[in-house]
Structure formats: C-alpha cells, structure tokens
C-alpha cells in the first residue's frame, strides 16, 4: 500500500511539476512577447489569463510595429540650402529622395505644366502652355514656352508676379531647365534673372532622387531674400512629396510630350 501510495504520490508530484513547467513556459512566452506577464493575471490565484487572446493581441502588436518600422524606412529624405549669393543673384538647391516611386512618373508630373497649379498650389497660381518657340521645332531639346503666374510669401511679405519662361526638356536624362524670357520683363519685372532646373534620377534601393536648383535675381531685393527663396524651394519639394503620395498608378505622360 505504501508502495502504491509512493507511486501515486510520485505521479501526482510529476503531474504537478509538469503543470508548473508548462505554466512557467507560458509565462515566459508571454513575458517575451508582451513584456509583462504578471500584468495579465498569470500566476494570480483564482484568475486565469486568456492565453490565446493574448497571443493574438501580441501578434497584432508585432504587426503594427513592423508596419511602423516599414513606414519609417519609406519616409522621404529632403534637404535644401543656399548655394550662393553673387550680386544679389540667389541660387538655392534642394533635393528629395522619394521611396517606391518610379523616376519616369515624377518626370512626367514635373513636365505637365498645365497642371502645375494643382501640384504647386502655394507657389504657382496659373500656367498656360504656349507651344514651341519655333513653330518648326519639336521633340526633346526644343524650346517650349509657358506663361506662369507665381506667388511668394514670407512672414508679412508677399505678392504675385507673371513670367514668361522658355523650357528645354531632355527626356532621356529626365532633366528640364526653364529660363526667363523677354528683355522688357527682365528690366522692369519682378525678376531680372531667373533659371530653374529639375533632374530626376533612379537612386538604387533608396528610391527616386529629385534635384531642384533655383537661381533668382530680383529687381528689388526684399528683406530676408535668401530665407524667402530657400523657403520657396522647401515648399516646392514638399508639394512634390505630397503629390506622389496620392498616386495609385503613377503619372501619365503629358500631352505635349506624346
């Protein structure tokens, strides 16, 4: 009888020990996956944690963390700086790296002049595409003319101005340059000199690199001129970033390039 009792007792002890080990493993699992098994009521007399629900919640949390990390990796990288100021001609360079965006789509958007007012609503009010400078010209490298109404603002200062631009596109290099046209406008308008360029490049795994260079010489130098033009370029790059975030199927080639 005592032998039987010993076997039964040993079996009971082994069963109890097995339960404790399984329970310990569950506690350790939840502690590793949720950080605080005790907060779940594990090990508290009279309470039993719902391990299945907690595991599901842990998996959901892990998924959210993974999504957050992926989103951090997809954040655009943007820089902007004043490159030079020579005789009140300010040159500002800005770059932005756009993840998960095709370079051709970005170039299509930047050369879609008639819709520029929708993309760059803070700086461009209206754009009219006038066609080729020479009616016989055409194709990549030919000068195209656009008329643009722009705006600028810095603190309490601001205003609008109209400019005529000559645009040269190099589709194979995804490069576009626009310069101020009209001698009288250079002399009497808001701008004496103006040149802007865009370059779009594939940047390996990081995404698409977009570079915008703006050179401006105003007729009258406003207060804090360098800050105004740096802020202008920063706003333009931010507009590019916001625009590409709305895309689902890229951006179509504009009509004048088809």
C-alpha atoms as a PDB file:
ATOM      1  CA  UNK A   1       0.000   0.000   0.000  1.00  0.00           C
ATOM      2  CA  UNK A   2       2.804   2.330   0.872  1.00  0.00           C
ATOM      3  CA  UNK A   3       4.484   1.464  -2.450  1.00  0.00           C
ATOM      4  CA  UNK A   4       1.281   2.247  -4.293  1.00  0.00           C
ATOM      5  CA  UNK A   5       0.944   5.443  -2.319  1.00  0.00           C
ATOM      6  CA  UNK A   6       4.522   6.332  -3.203  1.00  0.00           C
ATOM      7  CA  UNK A   7       3.858   5.728  -6.913  1.00  0.00           C
ATOM      8  CA  UNK A   8       0.627   7.699  -6.762  1.00  0.00           C
ATOM      9  CA  UNK A   9       2.367  10.442  -4.829  1.00  0.00           C
ATOM     10  CA  UNK A  10       5.262  10.479  -7.263  1.00  0.00           C
ATOM     11  CA  UNK A  11       2.851  10.553 -10.194  1.00  0.00           C
ATOM     12  CA  UNK A  12       0.943  13.401  -8.592  1.00  0.00           C
ATOM     13  CA  UNK A  13       4.175  15.264  -7.952  1.00  0.00           C
ATOM     14  CA  UNK A  14       5.288  14.675 -11.536  1.00  0.00           C
ATOM     15  CA  UNK A  15       1.916  15.835 -12.844  1.00  0.00           C
ATOM     16  CA  UNK A  16       2.067  18.915 -10.663  1.00  0.00           C
ATOM     17  CA  UNK A  17       5.640  19.579 -11.741  1.00  0.00           C
ATOM     18  CA  UNK A  18       4.656  19.151 -15.406  1.00  0.00           C
ATOM     19  CA  UNK A  19       1.816  21.603 -14.989  1.00  0.00           C
ATOM     20  CA  UNK A  20       4.103  24.077 -13.305  1.00  0.00           C
ATOM     21  CA  UNK A  21       6.666  23.737 -16.112  1.00  0.00           C
ATOM     22  CA  UNK A  22       4.031  24.256 -18.790  1.00  0.00           C
ATOM     23  CA  UNK A  23       2.700  27.208 -16.863  1.00  0.00           C
ATOM     24  CA  UNK A  24       6.217  28.620 -16.489  1.00  0.00           C
ATOM     25  CA  UNK A  25       6.828  28.242 -20.216  1.00  0.00           C
ATOM     26  CA  UNK A  26       3.573  30.062 -20.993  1.00  0.00           C
ATOM     27  CA  UNK A  27       4.500  32.863 -18.607  1.00  0.00           C
ATOM     28  CA  UNK A  28       7.949  33.126 -20.180  1.00  0.00           C
ATOM     29  CA  UNK A  29       6.431  33.156 -23.681  1.00  0.00           C
ATOM     30  CA  UNK A  30       4.051  35.944 -22.832  1.00  0.00           C
ATOM     31  CA  UNK A  31       6.736  37.849 -20.976  1.00  0.00           C
ATOM     32  CA  UNK A  32       8.954  37.726 -24.046  1.00  0.00           C
ATOM     33  CA  UNK A  33       6.149  38.699 -26.400  1.00  0.00           C
ATOM     34  CA  UNK A  34       4.263  41.171 -24.303  1.00  0.00           C
ATOM     35  CA  UNK A  35       6.804  42.336 -21.748  1.00  0.00           C
ATOM     36  CA  UNK A  36       4.707  41.846 -18.617  1.00  0.00           C
ATOM     37  CA  UNK A  37       3.091  38.501 -17.939  1.00  0.00           C
ATOM     38  CA  UNK A  38       2.209  39.469 -14.394  1.00  0.00           C
ATOM     39  CA  UNK A  39       0.019  42.276 -15.679  1.00  0.00           C
ATOM     40  CA  UNK A  40      -2.055  39.672 -17.484  1.00  0.00           C
ATOM     41  CA  UNK A  41      -3.006  37.918 -14.236  1.00  0.00           C
ATOM     42  CA  UNK A  42      -0.736  34.964 -14.864  1.00  0.00           C
ATOM     43  CA  UNK A  43       0.230  33.304 -11.584  1.00  0.00           C
ATOM     44  CA  UNK A  44      -2.510  35.048  -9.626  1.00  0.00           C
ATOM     45  CA  UNK A  45      -4.677  32.634  -7.629  1.00  0.00           C
ATOM     46  CA  UNK A  46      -8.264  32.464  -8.804  1.00  0.00           C
ATOM     47  CA  UNK A  47      -7.537  34.163 -12.141  1.00  0.00           C
ATOM     48  CA  UNK A  48      -6.623  32.570 -15.406  1.00  0.00           C
ATOM     49  CA  UNK A  49      -5.266  34.599 -18.304  1.00  0.00           C
ATOM     50  CA  UNK A  50      -6.734  34.013 -21.702  1.00  0.00           C
ATOM     51  CA  UNK A  51      -3.500  32.948 -23.360  1.00  0.00           C
ATOM     52  CA  UNK A  52      -4.986  32.565 -26.840  1.00  0.00           C
ATOM     53  CA  UNK A  53      -6.409  36.087 -26.903  1.00  0.00           C
ATOM     54  CA  UNK A  54      -3.181  37.494 -25.530  1.00  0.00           C
ATOM     55  CA  UNK A  55      -1.112  35.720 -28.144  1.00  0.00           C
ATOM     56  CA  UNK A  56      -3.370  37.157 -30.869  1.00  0.00           C
ATOM     57  CA  UNK A  57      -3.009  40.631 -29.348  1.00  0.00           C
ATOM     58  CA  UNK A  58       0.757  40.137 -29.224  1.00  0.00           C
ATOM     59  CA  UNK A  59       0.826  39.145 -32.887  1.00  0.00           C
ATOM     60  CA  UNK A  60      -1.279  42.199 -33.778  1.00  0.00           C
ATOM     61  CA  UNK A  61       1.097  44.443 -31.847  1.00  0.00           C
ATOM     62  CA  UNK A  62       4.065  42.896 -33.637  1.00  0.00           C
ATOM     63  CA  UNK A  63       2.383  43.547 -36.985  1.00  0.00           C
ATOM     64  CA  UNK A  64       1.788  47.168 -36.049  1.00  0.00           C
ATOM     65  CA  UNK A  65       5.422  47.569 -35.028  1.00  0.00           C
ATOM     66  CA  UNK A  66       6.594  46.041 -38.312  1.00  0.00           C
ATOM     67  CA  UNK A  67       4.308  48.395 -40.249  1.00  0.00           C
ATOM     68  CA  UNK A  68       5.645  51.355 -38.295  1.00  0.00           C
ATOM     69  CA  UNK A  69       9.243  50.363 -38.999  1.00  0.00           C
ATOM     70  CA  UNK A  70       8.436  49.928 -42.694  1.00  0.00           C
ATOM     71  CA  UNK A  71       6.834  53.368 -42.760  1.00  0.00           C
ATOM     72  CA  UNK A  72       9.921  54.900 -41.136  1.00  0.00           C
ATOM     73  CA  UNK A  73      12.068  53.390 -43.865  1.00  0.00           C
ATOM     74  CA  UNK A  74       9.781  54.839 -46.565  1.00  0.00           C
ATOM     75  CA  UNK A  75       9.948  58.428 -45.302  1.00  0.00           C
ATOM     76  CA  UNK A  76      11.280  60.827 -47.909  1.00  0.00           C
ATOM     77  CA  UNK A  77      14.670  62.455 -47.365  1.00  0.00           C
ATOM     78  CA  UNK A  78      14.679  66.189 -48.085  1.00  0.00           C
ATOM     79  CA  UNK A  79      17.432  68.823 -47.980  1.00  0.00           C
ATOM     80  CA  UNK A  80      17.552  72.463 -49.037  1.00  0.00           C
ATOM     81  CA  UNK A  81      20.307  75.066 -48.867  1.00  0.00           C
ATOM     82  CA  UNK A  82      21.501  78.395 -50.218  1.00  0.00           C
ATOM     83  CA  UNK A  83      24.362  77.589 -52.584  1.00  0.00           C
ATOM     84  CA  UNK A  84      25.490  81.114 -53.448  1.00  0.00           C
ATOM     85  CA  UNK A  85      24.622  84.812 -53.462  1.00  0.00           C
ATOM     86  CA  UNK A  86      26.547  86.722 -56.111  1.00  0.00           C
ATOM     87  CA  UNK A  87      25.479  90.325 -56.764  1.00  0.00           C
ATOM     88  CA  UNK A  88      22.045  89.617 -55.284  1.00  0.00           C
ATOM     89  CA  UNK A  89      21.561  86.568 -57.518  1.00  0.00           C
ATOM     90  CA  UNK A  90      20.496  83.803 -55.138  1.00  0.00           C
ATOM     91  CA  UNK A  91      20.998  80.142 -56.010  1.00  0.00           C
ATOM     92  CA  UNK A  92      19.195  77.561 -53.920  1.00  0.00           C
ATOM     93  CA  UNK A  93      19.499  73.795 -54.296  1.00  0.00           C
ATOM     94  CA  UNK A  94      17.013  71.308 -52.923  1.00  0.00           C
ATOM     95  CA  UNK A  95      16.903  67.525 -53.143  1.00  0.00           C
ATOM     96  CA  UNK A  96      14.393  64.926 -52.124  1.00  0.00           C
ATOM     97  CA  UNK A  97      14.554  61.134 -52.268  1.00  0.00           C
ATOM     98  CA  UNK A  98      11.171  59.521 -52.859  1.00  0.00           C
ATOM     99  CA  UNK A  99      10.900  55.814 -51.961  1.00  0.00           C
ATOM    100  CA  UNK A 100       8.764  53.430 -54.008  1.00  0.00           C
ATOM    101  CA  UNK A 101       8.229  55.956 -56.813  1.00  0.00           C
ATOM    102  CA  UNK A 102       9.292  55.491 -60.432  1.00  0.00           C
ATOM    103  CA  UNK A 103      11.514  58.229 -61.852  1.00  0.00           C
ATOM    104  CA  UNK A 104       9.564  58.431 -65.131  1.00  0.00           C
ATOM    105  CA  UNK A 105       6.346  59.193 -63.254  1.00  0.00           C
ATOM    106  CA  UNK A 106       7.989  62.042 -61.333  1.00  0.00           C
ATOM    107  CA  UNK A 107       9.435  63.484 -64.543  1.00  0.00           C
ATOM    108  CA  UNK A 108       6.021  63.254 -66.209  1.00  0.00           C
ATOM    109  CA  UNK A 109       4.497  65.229 -63.358  1.00  0.00           C
ATOM    110  CA  UNK A 110       7.190  67.925 -63.430  1.00  0.00           C
ATOM    111  CA  UNK A 111       6.772  68.453 -67.179  1.00  0.00           C
ATOM    112  CA  UNK A 112       2.975  68.579 -67.004  1.00  0.00           C
ATOM    113  CA  UNK A 113       2.979  72.371 -66.940  1.00  0.00           C
ATOM    114  CA  UNK A 114      -0.745  72.947 -67.356  1.00  0.00           C
ATOM    115  CA  UNK A 115      -1.440  71.024 -64.139  1.00  0.00           C
ATOM    116  CA  UNK A 116       1.416  72.634 -62.216  1.00  0.00           C
ATOM    117  CA  UNK A 117      -1.019  74.931 -60.408  1.00  0.00           C
ATOM    118  CA  UNK A 118      -2.675  71.894 -58.819  1.00  0.00           C
ATOM    119  CA  UNK A 119       0.600  70.339 -57.673  1.00  0.00           C
ATOM    120  CA  UNK A 120       2.375  73.541 -56.603  1.00  0.00           C
ATOM    121  CA  UNK A 121      -0.644  75.471 -55.414  1.00  0.00           C
ATOM    122  CA  UNK A 122       1.307  77.527 -52.874  1.00  0.00           C
ATOM    123  CA  UNK A 123       3.722  78.989 -55.425  1.00  0.00           C
ATOM    124  CA  UNK A 124       2.013  78.694 -58.816  1.00  0.00           C
ATOM    125  CA  UNK A 125      -1.417  80.157 -59.451  1.00  0.00           C
ATOM    126  CA  UNK A 126      -1.777  79.530 -63.159  1.00  0.00           C
ATOM    127  CA  UNK A 127       0.208  78.113 -66.081  1.00  0.00           C
ATOM    128  CA  UNK A 128      -0.506  78.402 -69.794  1.00  0.00           C
ATOM    129  CA  UNK A 129       1.388  76.205 -72.250  1.00  0.00           C
ATOM    130  CA  UNK A 130       2.135  78.228 -75.410  1.00  0.00           C
ATOM    131  CA  UNK A 131       3.849  75.576 -77.510  1.00  0.00           C
ATOM    132  CA  UNK A 132       7.232  75.629 -79.208  1.00  0.00           C
ATOM    133  CA  UNK A 133       9.207  78.834 -79.502  1.00  0.00           C
ATOM    134  CA  UNK A 134       9.796  77.987 -83.148  1.00  0.00           C
ATOM    135  CA  UNK A 135       6.754  76.512 -84.844  1.00  0.00           C
ATOM    136  CA  UNK A 136       9.025  74.193 -86.858  1.00  0.00           C
ATOM    137  CA  UNK A 137      10.784  72.876 -83.783  1.00  0.00           C
ATOM    138  CA  UNK A 138       9.776  69.794 -81.893  1.00  0.00           C
ATOM    139  CA  UNK A 139      10.962  66.890 -79.819  1.00  0.00           C
ATOM    140  CA  UNK A 140      13.391  66.663 -76.945  1.00  0.00           C
ATOM    141  CA  UNK A 141      15.723  69.654 -76.643  1.00  0.00           C
ATOM    142  CA  UNK A 142      13.432  72.134 -78.397  1.00  0.00           C
ATOM    143  CA  UNK A 143      12.498  75.330 -76.543  1.00  0.00           C
ATOM    144  CA  UNK A 144       8.898  75.428 -75.354  1.00  0.00           C
ATOM    145  CA  UNK A 145       7.154  78.491 -73.996  1.00  0.00           C
ATOM    146  CA  UNK A 146       4.914  78.753 -70.953  1.00  0.00           C
ATOM    147  CA  UNK A 147       3.322  81.702 -69.180  1.00  0.00           C
ATOM    148  CA  UNK A 148       3.160  81.412 -65.418  1.00  0.00           C
ATOM    149  CA  UNK A 149       1.585  83.350 -62.564  1.00  0.00           C
ATOM    150  CA  UNK A 150       3.579  82.798 -59.372  1.00  0.00           C
ATOM    151  CA  UNK A 151       3.271  83.871 -55.760  1.00  0.00           C
ATOM    152  CA  UNK A 152       5.669  84.239 -52.875  1.00  0.00           C
ATOM    153  CA  UNK A 153       5.230  84.846 -49.173  1.00  0.00           C
ATOM    154  CA  UNK A 154       7.480  85.259 -46.170  1.00  0.00           C
ATOM    155  CA  UNK A 155       6.036  86.447 -42.835  1.00  0.00           C
ATOM    156  CA  UNK A 156       4.047  89.605 -43.669  1.00  0.00           C
ATOM    157  CA  UNK A 157       5.666  89.998 -47.091  1.00  0.00           C
ATOM    158  CA  UNK A 158       4.205  88.501 -50.237  1.00  0.00           C
ATOM    159  CA  UNK A 159       2.877  89.050 -53.720  1.00  0.00           C
ATOM    160  CA  UNK A 160       2.180  87.687 -57.205  1.00  0.00           C
ATOM    161  CA  UNK A 161       4.113  88.107 -60.439  1.00  0.00           C
ATOM    162  CA  UNK A 162       3.800  86.934 -64.049  1.00  0.00           C
ATOM    163  CA  UNK A 163       6.677  85.451 -66.015  1.00  0.00           C
ATOM    164  CA  UNK A 164       7.226  84.013 -69.478  1.00  0.00           C
ATOM    165  CA  UNK A 165       9.544  81.029 -69.470  1.00  0.00           C
ATOM    166  CA  UNK A 166      11.450  79.141 -72.117  1.00  0.00           C
ATOM    167  CA  UNK A 167      11.639  75.453 -71.267  1.00  0.00           C
ATOM    168  CA  UNK A 168      14.108  72.875 -72.567  1.00  0.00           C
ATOM    169  CA  UNK A 169      13.459  69.205 -71.805  1.00  0.00           C
ATOM    170  CA  UNK A 170      15.918  66.335 -72.069  1.00  0.00           C
ATOM    171  CA  UNK A 171      13.656  63.332 -71.741  1.00  0.00           C
ATOM    172  CA  UNK A 172      16.406  60.715 -71.904  1.00  0.00           C
ATOM    173  CA  UNK A 173      18.139  62.265 -68.880  1.00  0.00           C
ATOM    174  CA  UNK A 174      14.906  63.325 -67.175  1.00  0.00           C
ATOM    175  CA  UNK A 175      16.227  66.861 -66.997  1.00  0.00           C
ATOM    176  CA  UNK A 176      14.343  70.106 -67.551  1.00  0.00           C
ATOM    177  CA  UNK A 177      15.542  73.725 -67.485  1.00  0.00           C
ATOM    178  CA  UNK A 178      13.438  76.870 -67.616  1.00  0.00           C
ATOM    179  CA  UNK A 179      14.709  80.422 -68.096  1.00  0.00           C
ATOM    180  CA  UNK A 180      13.175  83.862 -68.104  1.00  0.00           C
ATOM    181  CA  UNK A 181      12.188  85.296 -71.477  1.00  0.00           C
ATOM    182  CA  UNK A 182      11.531  88.841 -72.637  1.00  0.00           C
ATOM    183  CA  UNK A 183      14.022  91.725 -72.410  1.00  0.00           C
ATOM    184  CA  UNK A 184      11.473  94.253 -71.150  1.00  0.00           C
ATOM    185  CA  UNK A 185      10.374  91.856 -68.433  1.00  0.00           C
ATOM    186  CA  UNK A 186      13.950  91.400 -67.269  1.00  0.00           C
ATOM    187  CA  UNK A 187      14.341  95.134 -66.964  1.00  0.00           C
ATOM    188  CA  UNK A 188      11.062  96.151 -65.392  1.00  0.00           C
ATOM    189  CA  UNK A 189       9.519  92.999 -63.960  1.00  0.00           C
ATOM    190  CA  UNK A 190       9.810  91.446 -60.519  1.00  0.00           C
ATOM    191  CA  UNK A 191      12.750  89.329 -61.688  1.00  0.00           C
ATOM    192  CA  UNK A 192      15.881  90.416 -63.506  1.00  0.00           C
ATOM    193  CA  UNK A 193      17.241  86.895 -63.786  1.00  0.00           C
ATOM    194  CA  UNK A 194      15.576  83.540 -63.307  1.00  0.00           C
ATOM    195  CA  UNK A 195      16.625  79.984 -64.045  1.00  0.00           C
ATOM    196  CA  UNK A 196      15.223  76.810 -62.624  1.00  0.00           C
ATOM    197  CA  UNK A 197      16.061  73.202 -63.304  1.00  0.00           C
ATOM    198  CA  UNK A 198      14.767  69.771 -62.374  1.00  0.00           C
ATOM    199  CA  UNK A 199      16.648  66.488 -62.554  1.00  0.00           C
ATOM    200  CA  UNK A 200      15.120  63.105 -61.747  1.00  0.00           C
ATOM    201  CA  UNK A 201      17.329  60.069 -61.147  1.00  0.00           C
ATOM    202  CA  UNK A 202      16.924  56.470 -60.089  1.00  0.00           C
ATOM    203  CA  UNK A 203      18.731  56.194 -56.757  1.00  0.00           C
ATOM    204  CA  UNK A 204      19.053  52.462 -56.256  1.00  0.00           C
ATOM    205  CA  UNK A 205      17.196  50.922 -53.326  1.00  0.00           C
ATOM    206  CA  UNK A 206      16.551  54.331 -51.740  1.00  0.00           C
ATOM    207  CA  UNK A 207      14.115  55.340 -54.472  1.00  0.00           C
ATOM    208  CA  UNK A 208      13.982  58.277 -56.869  1.00  0.00           C
ATOM    209  CA  UNK A 209      16.179  61.315 -56.301  1.00  0.00           C
ATOM    210  CA  UNK A 210      14.773  64.674 -57.393  1.00  0.00           C
ATOM    211  CA  UNK A 211      17.016  67.753 -57.556  1.00  0.00           C
ATOM    212  CA  UNK A 212      15.678  71.276 -57.983  1.00  0.00           C
ATOM    213  CA  UNK A 213      18.026  74.248 -58.490  1.00  0.00           C
ATOM    214  CA  UNK A 214      16.631  77.774 -58.470  1.00  0.00           C
ATOM    215  CA  UNK A 215      18.659  80.888 -59.390  1.00  0.00           C
ATOM    216  CA  UNK A 216      16.884  84.212 -58.888  1.00  0.00           C
ATOM    217  CA  UNK A 217      17.926  87.842 -59.112  1.00  0.00           C
ATOM    218  CA  UNK A 218      15.006  90.095 -58.105  1.00  0.00           C
ATOM    219  CA  UNK A 219      14.628  93.653 -59.364  1.00  0.00           C
ATOM    220  CA  UNK A 220      14.331  94.823 -55.773  1.00  0.00           C
ATOM    221  CA  UNK A 221      15.842  92.737 -53.003  1.00  0.00           C
ATOM    222  CA  UNK A 222      13.162  92.033 -50.386  1.00  0.00           C
ATOM    223  CA  UNK A 223      14.025  91.711 -46.693  1.00  0.00           C
ATOM    224  CA  UNK A 224      15.444  88.301 -45.792  1.00  0.00           C
ATOM    225  CA  UNK A 225      15.706  87.457 -49.510  1.00  0.00           C
ATOM    226  CA  UNK A 226      17.823  84.328 -49.024  1.00  0.00           C
ATOM    227  CA  UNK A 227      15.340  82.942 -46.477  1.00  0.00           C
ATOM    228  CA  UNK A 228      12.466  83.656 -48.848  1.00  0.00           C
ATOM    229  CA  UNK A 229      13.983  81.668 -51.707  1.00  0.00           C
ATOM    230  CA  UNK A 230      15.126  78.781 -49.507  1.00  0.00           C
ATOM    231  CA  UNK A 231      11.648  78.576 -48.046  1.00  0.00           C
ATOM    232  CA  UNK A 232      10.219  78.715 -51.561  1.00  0.00           C
ATOM    233  CA  UNK A 233      12.239  75.683 -52.671  1.00  0.00           C
ATOM    234  CA  UNK A 234      11.415  73.803 -49.459  1.00  0.00           C
ATOM    235  CA  UNK A 235       7.722  74.355 -50.151  1.00  0.00           C
ATOM    236  CA  UNK A 236       8.099  73.148 -53.740  1.00  0.00           C
ATOM    237  CA  UNK A 237       9.780  69.912 -52.628  1.00  0.00           C
ATOM    238  CA  UNK A 238       7.092  69.380 -50.010  1.00  0.00           C
ATOM    239  CA  UNK A 239       4.468  69.785 -52.729  1.00  0.00           C
ATOM    240  CA  UNK A 240       6.234  67.119 -54.807  1.00  0.00           C
ATOM    241  CA  UNK A 241       6.217  64.740 -51.840  1.00  0.00           C
ATOM    242  CA  UNK A 242       2.525  65.317 -51.140  1.00  0.00           C
ATOM    243  CA  UNK A 243       1.627  64.836 -54.785  1.00  0.00           C
ATOM    244  CA  UNK A 244       3.352  61.451 -55.203  1.00  0.00           C
ATOM    245  CA  UNK A 245       1.678  60.194 -52.025  1.00  0.00           C
ATOM    246  CA  UNK A 246      -1.690  60.493 -53.798  1.00  0.00           C
ATOM    247  CA  UNK A 247      -0.675  58.287 -56.730  1.00  0.00           C
ATOM    248  CA  UNK A 248      -2.014  54.804 -57.193  1.00  0.00           C
ATOM    249  CA  UNK A 249      -0.911  54.064 -60.748  1.00  0.00           C
ATOM    250  CA  UNK A 250       1.876  56.535 -61.422  1.00  0.00           C
ATOM    251  CA  UNK A 251       1.564  59.656 -63.600  1.00  0.00           C
ATOM    252  CA  UNK A 252       0.755  59.732 -67.302  1.00  0.00           C
ATOM    253  CA  UNK A 253       2.985  61.366 -69.911  1.00  0.00           C
ATOM    254  CA  UNK A 254       1.705  64.942 -70.540  1.00  0.00           C
ATOM    255  CA  UNK A 255       0.064  65.634 -73.903  1.00  0.00           C
ATOM    256  CA  UNK A 256       2.824  67.844 -75.328  1.00  0.00           C
ATOM    257  CA  UNK A 257       5.356  65.001 -74.929  1.00  0.00           C
ATOM    258  CA  UNK A 258       3.256  62.311 -76.589  1.00  0.00           C
END
